[in-house]
Amino acid sequence: MSLSGRARDHGFQSLHYFRKRMRFNDVNFAAGIKIGRMPARSFLMGIFWFKETAFNSSSSDTVQIGSTQGGSDILAATDVHSTGFTSHGSAAGLGTAVTFVANEIDLWVKWNATTANTATTGDATVIILYCPDNDL
């Protein structure tokens, strides 16, 4: 995992990904957790959520993904109040908004619980799929 600031690029012409499991009681999940850094000029291919255990705050729970802590420029707030699989192939930020950017891009995920957070459960895994610019 590349949390130290170095972008993850395997050097091969293949799809790359970040995978991160998040639980309702993870430290700083509500403030935003850095899950990795994409290399410059990468093309974001998709975002996938698998919600194994529903987040059970009193009314709703959402997660968002951004290039800054607490940001939502890559994926706007998305419901995780129920279980199941969700795929985002056209979420805000996919493609041109984060493609061919001169600098590497940090990826942060943030959980938004209801105002009176009463969550006692919640377990989800996010997979962010991208293609680095490594043409030969």
C-alpha atoms as a PDB file:
ATOM      1  CA  MET A   1       0.000   0.000   0.000  1.00  0.00           C
ATOM      2  CA  SER A   2       1.254   3.447  -0.829  1.00  0.00           C
ATOM      3  CA  LEU A   3       0.432   5.700   2.088  1.00  0.00           C
ATOM      4  CA  SER A   4       3.859   7.280   2.420  1.00  0.00           C
ATOM      5  CA  GLY A   5       3.395   9.537  -0.558  1.00  0.00           C
ATOM      6  CA  ARG A   6       4.786   7.375  -3.338  1.00  0.00           C
ATOM      7  CA  ALA A   7       2.367   6.539  -6.165  1.00  0.00           C
ATOM      8  CA  ARG A   8       1.592   2.902  -6.872  1.00  0.00           C
ATOM      9  CA  ASP A   9       2.646   1.832 -10.388  1.00  0.00           C
ATOM     10  CA  HIS A  10       3.616  -1.783 -11.051  1.00  0.00           C
ATOM     11  CA  GLY A  11       5.354  -0.883 -14.317  1.00  0.00           C
ATOM     12  CA  PHE A  12       3.204  -3.250 -16.365  1.00  0.00           C
ATOM     13  CA  GLN A  13       0.469  -2.464 -18.871  1.00  0.00           C
ATOM     14  CA  SER A  14      -2.298  -3.739 -16.660  1.00  0.00           C
ATOM     15  CA  LEU A  15      -5.062  -2.324 -14.526  1.00  0.00           C
ATOM     16  CA  HIS A  16      -4.060  -1.311 -11.028  1.00  0.00           C
ATOM     17  CA  TYR A  17      -6.251  -0.971  -7.980  1.00  0.00           C
ATOM     18  CA  PHE A  18      -6.506   0.061  -4.371  1.00  0.00           C
ATOM     19  CA  ARG A  19      -8.575  -2.046  -2.011  1.00  0.00           C
ATOM     20  CA  LYS A  20      -9.488  -0.846   1.465  1.00  0.00           C
ATOM     21  CA  ARG A  21     -11.762  -2.371   4.094  1.00  0.00           C
ATOM     22  CA  MET A  22     -13.499   0.134   6.318  1.00  0.00           C
ATOM     23  CA  ARG A  23     -15.489  -0.420   9.487  1.00  0.00           C
ATOM     24  CA  PHE A  24     -17.716   1.963  11.432  1.00  0.00           C
ATOM     25  CA  ASN A  25     -15.229   2.074  14.326  1.00  0.00           C
ATOM     26  CA  ASP A  26     -12.047   2.709  12.287  1.00  0.00           C
ATOM     27  CA  VAL A  27     -10.109   5.624  13.695  1.00  0.00           C
ATOM     28  CA  ASN A  28     -10.463   8.776  11.522  1.00  0.00           C
ATOM     29  CA  PHE A  29     -12.929   7.168   9.086  1.00  0.00           C
ATOM     30  CA  ALA A  30     -15.357  10.026   9.816  1.00  0.00           C
ATOM     31  CA  ALA A  31     -12.611  12.604   9.152  1.00  0.00           C
ATOM     32  CA  GLY A  32     -11.189  10.845   6.104  1.00  0.00           C
ATOM     33  CA  ILE A  33      -8.690   8.022   5.594  1.00  0.00           C
ATOM     34  CA  LYS A  34      -5.980   8.142   2.938  1.00  0.00           C
ATOM     35  CA  ILE A  35      -6.078   4.896   0.986  1.00  0.00           C
ATOM     36  CA  GLY A  36      -3.355   5.514  -1.554  1.00  0.00           C
ATOM     37  CA  ARG A  37      -1.887   7.679  -4.289  1.00  0.00           C
ATOM     38  CA  MET A  38      -2.434   7.317  -8.034  1.00  0.00           C
ATOM     39  CA  PRO A  39       0.395   8.187 -10.424  1.00  0.00           C
ATOM     40  CA  ALA A  40       0.145  11.303 -12.589  1.00  0.00           C
ATOM     41  CA  ARG A  41      -1.869  10.901 -15.817  1.00  0.00           C
ATOM     42  CA  SER A  42      -3.701   7.819 -14.534  1.00  0.00           C
ATOM     43  CA  PHE A  43      -7.172   7.090 -15.809  1.00  0.00           C
ATOM     44  CA  LEU A  44      -9.712   6.215 -13.132  1.00  0.00           C
ATOM     45  CA  MET A  45     -11.717   3.238 -14.433  1.00  0.00           C
ATOM     46  CA  GLY A  46     -14.250   2.542 -11.708  1.00  0.00           C
ATOM     47  CA  ILE A  47     -15.171   2.430  -8.055  1.00  0.00           C
ATOM     48  CA  PHE A  48     -16.706  -0.650  -6.481  1.00  0.00           C
ATOM     49  CA  TRP A  49     -18.213  -1.071  -3.002  1.00  0.00           C
ATOM     50  CA  PHE A  50     -19.034  -4.298  -1.243  1.00  0.00           C
ATOM     51  CA  LYS A  51     -21.023  -3.650   1.912  1.00  0.00           C
ATOM     52  CA  GLU A  52     -20.828  -6.799   3.999  1.00  0.00           C
ATOM     53  CA  THR A  53     -22.515  -5.318   7.066  1.00  0.00           C
ATOM     54  CA  ALA A  54     -24.826  -2.327   6.753  1.00  0.00           C
ATOM     55  CA  PHE A  55     -23.861   0.893   8.495  1.00  0.00           C
ATOM     56  CA  ASN A  56     -26.719   1.370  10.923  1.00  0.00           C
ATOM     57  CA  SER A  57     -26.828   4.995  12.029  1.00  0.00           C
ATOM     58  CA  SER A  58     -30.295   6.250  12.853  1.00  0.00           C
ATOM     59  CA  SER A  59     -31.268   7.290   9.311  1.00  0.00           C
ATOM     60  CA  SER A  60     -28.537   7.215   6.675  1.00  0.00           C
ATOM     61  CA  ASP A  61     -24.843   6.666   6.122  1.00  0.00           C
ATOM     62  CA  THR A  62     -22.806   7.733   3.119  1.00  0.00           C
ATOM     63  CA  VAL A  63     -19.193   7.540   2.019  1.00  0.00           C
ATOM     64  CA  GLN A  64     -17.354   9.817  -0.372  1.00  0.00           C
ATOM     65  CA  ILE A  65     -13.988   9.741  -2.121  1.00  0.00           C
ATOM     66  CA  GLY A  66     -11.832  12.749  -2.859  1.00  0.00           C
ATOM     67  CA  SER A  67      -8.336  13.887  -3.708  1.00  0.00           C
ATOM     68  CA  THR A  68      -8.161  15.691  -0.351  1.00  0.00           C
ATOM     69  CA  GLN A  69      -9.140  14.648   3.155  1.00  0.00           C
ATOM     70  CA  GLY A  70     -12.905  15.107   3.372  1.00  0.00           C
ATOM     71  CA  GLY A  71     -13.156  15.820  -0.372  1.00  0.00           C
ATOM     72  CA  SER A  72     -15.808  14.435  -2.711  1.00  0.00           C
ATOM     73  CA  ASP A  73     -14.408  15.387  -6.124  1.00  0.00           C
ATOM     74  CA  ILE A  74     -13.981  11.741  -7.158  1.00  0.00           C
ATOM     75  CA  LEU A  75     -17.184  10.233  -5.746  1.00  0.00           C
ATOM     76  CA  ALA A  76     -20.006  12.244  -4.206  1.00  0.00           C
ATOM     77  CA  ALA A  77     -21.695  10.959  -1.051  1.00  0.00           C
ATOM     78  CA  THR A  78     -22.971   7.433  -1.738  1.00  0.00           C
ATOM     79  CA  ASP A  79     -25.305   5.399   0.474  1.00  0.00           C
ATOM     80  CA  VAL A  80     -23.836   2.554   2.551  1.00  0.00           C
ATOM     81  CA  HIS A  81     -26.864   2.181   4.817  1.00  0.00           C
ATOM     82  CA  SER A  82     -27.687  -1.182   3.239  1.00  0.00           C
ATOM     83  CA  THR A  83     -25.683  -4.260   2.306  1.00  0.00           C
ATOM     84  CA  GLY A  84     -24.707  -5.438  -1.154  1.00  0.00           C
ATOM     85  CA  PHE A  85     -22.486  -4.581  -4.101  1.00  0.00           C
ATOM     86  CA  THR A  86     -22.375  -1.192  -5.820  1.00  0.00           C
ATOM     87  CA  SER A  87     -20.468  -0.227  -8.969  1.00  0.00           C
ATOM     88  CA  HIS A  88     -19.743   3.353 -10.048  1.00  0.00           C
ATOM     89  CA  GLY A  89     -18.605   3.548 -13.656  1.00  0.00           C
ATOM     90  CA  SER A  90     -19.724   7.106 -14.242  1.00  0.00           C
ATOM     91  CA  ALA A  91     -19.297   8.733 -10.848  1.00  0.00           C
ATOM     92  CA  ALA A  92     -18.269  12.358 -10.639  1.00  0.00           C
ATOM     93  CA  GLY A  93     -14.538  12.536 -11.172  1.00  0.00           C
ATOM     94  CA  LEU A  94     -14.117   9.368 -13.202  1.00  0.00           C
ATOM     95  CA  GLY A  95     -12.213   9.929 -16.407  1.00  0.00           C
ATOM     96  CA  THR A  96     -11.219  13.392 -17.500  1.00  0.00           C
ATOM     97  CA  ALA A  97     -11.471  15.146 -14.143  1.00  0.00           C
ATOM     98  CA  VAL A  98      -8.594  13.064 -12.782  1.00  0.00           C
ATOM     99  CA  THR A  99      -6.938  12.018 -16.023  1.00  0.00           C
ATOM    100  CA  PHE A 100      -3.704  13.460 -17.397  1.00  0.00           C
ATOM    101  CA  VAL A 101      -3.204  15.584 -14.311  1.00  0.00           C
ATOM    102  CA  ALA A 102       0.448  16.592 -14.060  1.00  0.00           C
ATOM    103  CA  ASN A 103       0.708  15.552 -10.400  1.00  0.00           C
ATOM    104  CA  GLU A 104       0.031  12.378  -8.483  1.00  0.00           C
ATOM    105  CA  ILE A 105      -3.398  12.184  -6.842  1.00  0.00           C
ATOM    106  CA  ASP A 106      -4.075  11.167  -3.244  1.00  0.00           C
ATOM    107  CA  LEU A 107      -7.226   9.131  -2.643  1.00  0.00           C
ATOM    108  CA  TRP A 108      -9.204   9.694   0.559  1.00  0.00           C
ATOM    109  CA  VAL A 109     -12.410   8.045   1.723  1.00  0.00           C
ATOM    110  CA  LYS A 110     -14.738   9.582   4.318  1.00  0.00           C
ATOM    111  CA  TRP A 111     -17.778   8.224   6.126  1.00  0.00           C
ATOM    112  CA  ASN A 112     -20.694  10.561   6.802  1.00  0.00           C
ATOM    113  CA  ALA A 113     -22.917   9.260   9.569  1.00  0.00           C
ATOM    114  CA  THR A 114     -26.151  10.930  10.556  1.00  0.00           C
ATOM    115  CA  THR A 115     -25.885  13.897  12.915  1.00  0.00           C
ATOM    116  CA  ALA A 116     -26.662  11.746  15.941  1.00  0.00           C
ATOM    117  CA  ASN A 117     -24.413   8.844  14.994  1.00  0.00           C
ATOM    118  CA  THR A 118     -25.734   5.738  16.670  1.00  0.00           C
ATOM    119  CA  ALA A 119     -23.888   3.250  14.469  1.00  0.00           C
ATOM    120  CA  THR A 120     -22.888  -0.010  16.069  1.00  0.00           C
ATOM    121  CA  THR A 121     -22.246  -1.891  12.817  1.00  0.00           C
ATOM    122  CA  GLY A 122     -20.801  -1.187   9.406  1.00  0.00           C
ATOM    123  CA  ASP A 123     -18.241  -3.021   7.293  1.00  0.00           C
ATOM    124  CA  ALA A 124     -17.480  -2.180   3.665  1.00  0.00           C
ATOM    125  CA  THR A 125     -14.671  -2.704   1.178  1.00  0.00           C
ATOM    126  CA  VAL A 126     -13.917  -0.198  -1.570  1.00  0.00           C
ATOM    127  CA  ILE A 127     -11.950  -1.032  -4.716  1.00  0.00           C
ATOM    128  CA  ILE A 128     -10.682   1.807  -6.901  1.00  0.00           C
ATOM    129  CA  LEU A 129      -9.587   0.618 -10.339  1.00  0.00           C
ATOM    130  CA  TYR A 130      -7.221   2.718 -12.469  1.00  0.00           C
ATOM    131  CA  CYS A 131      -4.937   2.508 -15.465  1.00  0.00           C
ATOM    132  CA  PRO A 132      -1.561   4.275 -15.124  1.00  0.00           C
ATOM    133  CA  ASP A 133       0.041   6.073 -18.058  1.00  0.00           C
ATOM    134  CA  ASN A 134       2.745   3.522 -18.871  1.00  0.00           C
ATOM    135  CA  ASP A 135       2.536   3.267 -22.654  1.00  0.00           C
ATOM    136  CA  LEU A 136       5.612   1.769 -24.209  1.00  0.00           C
END
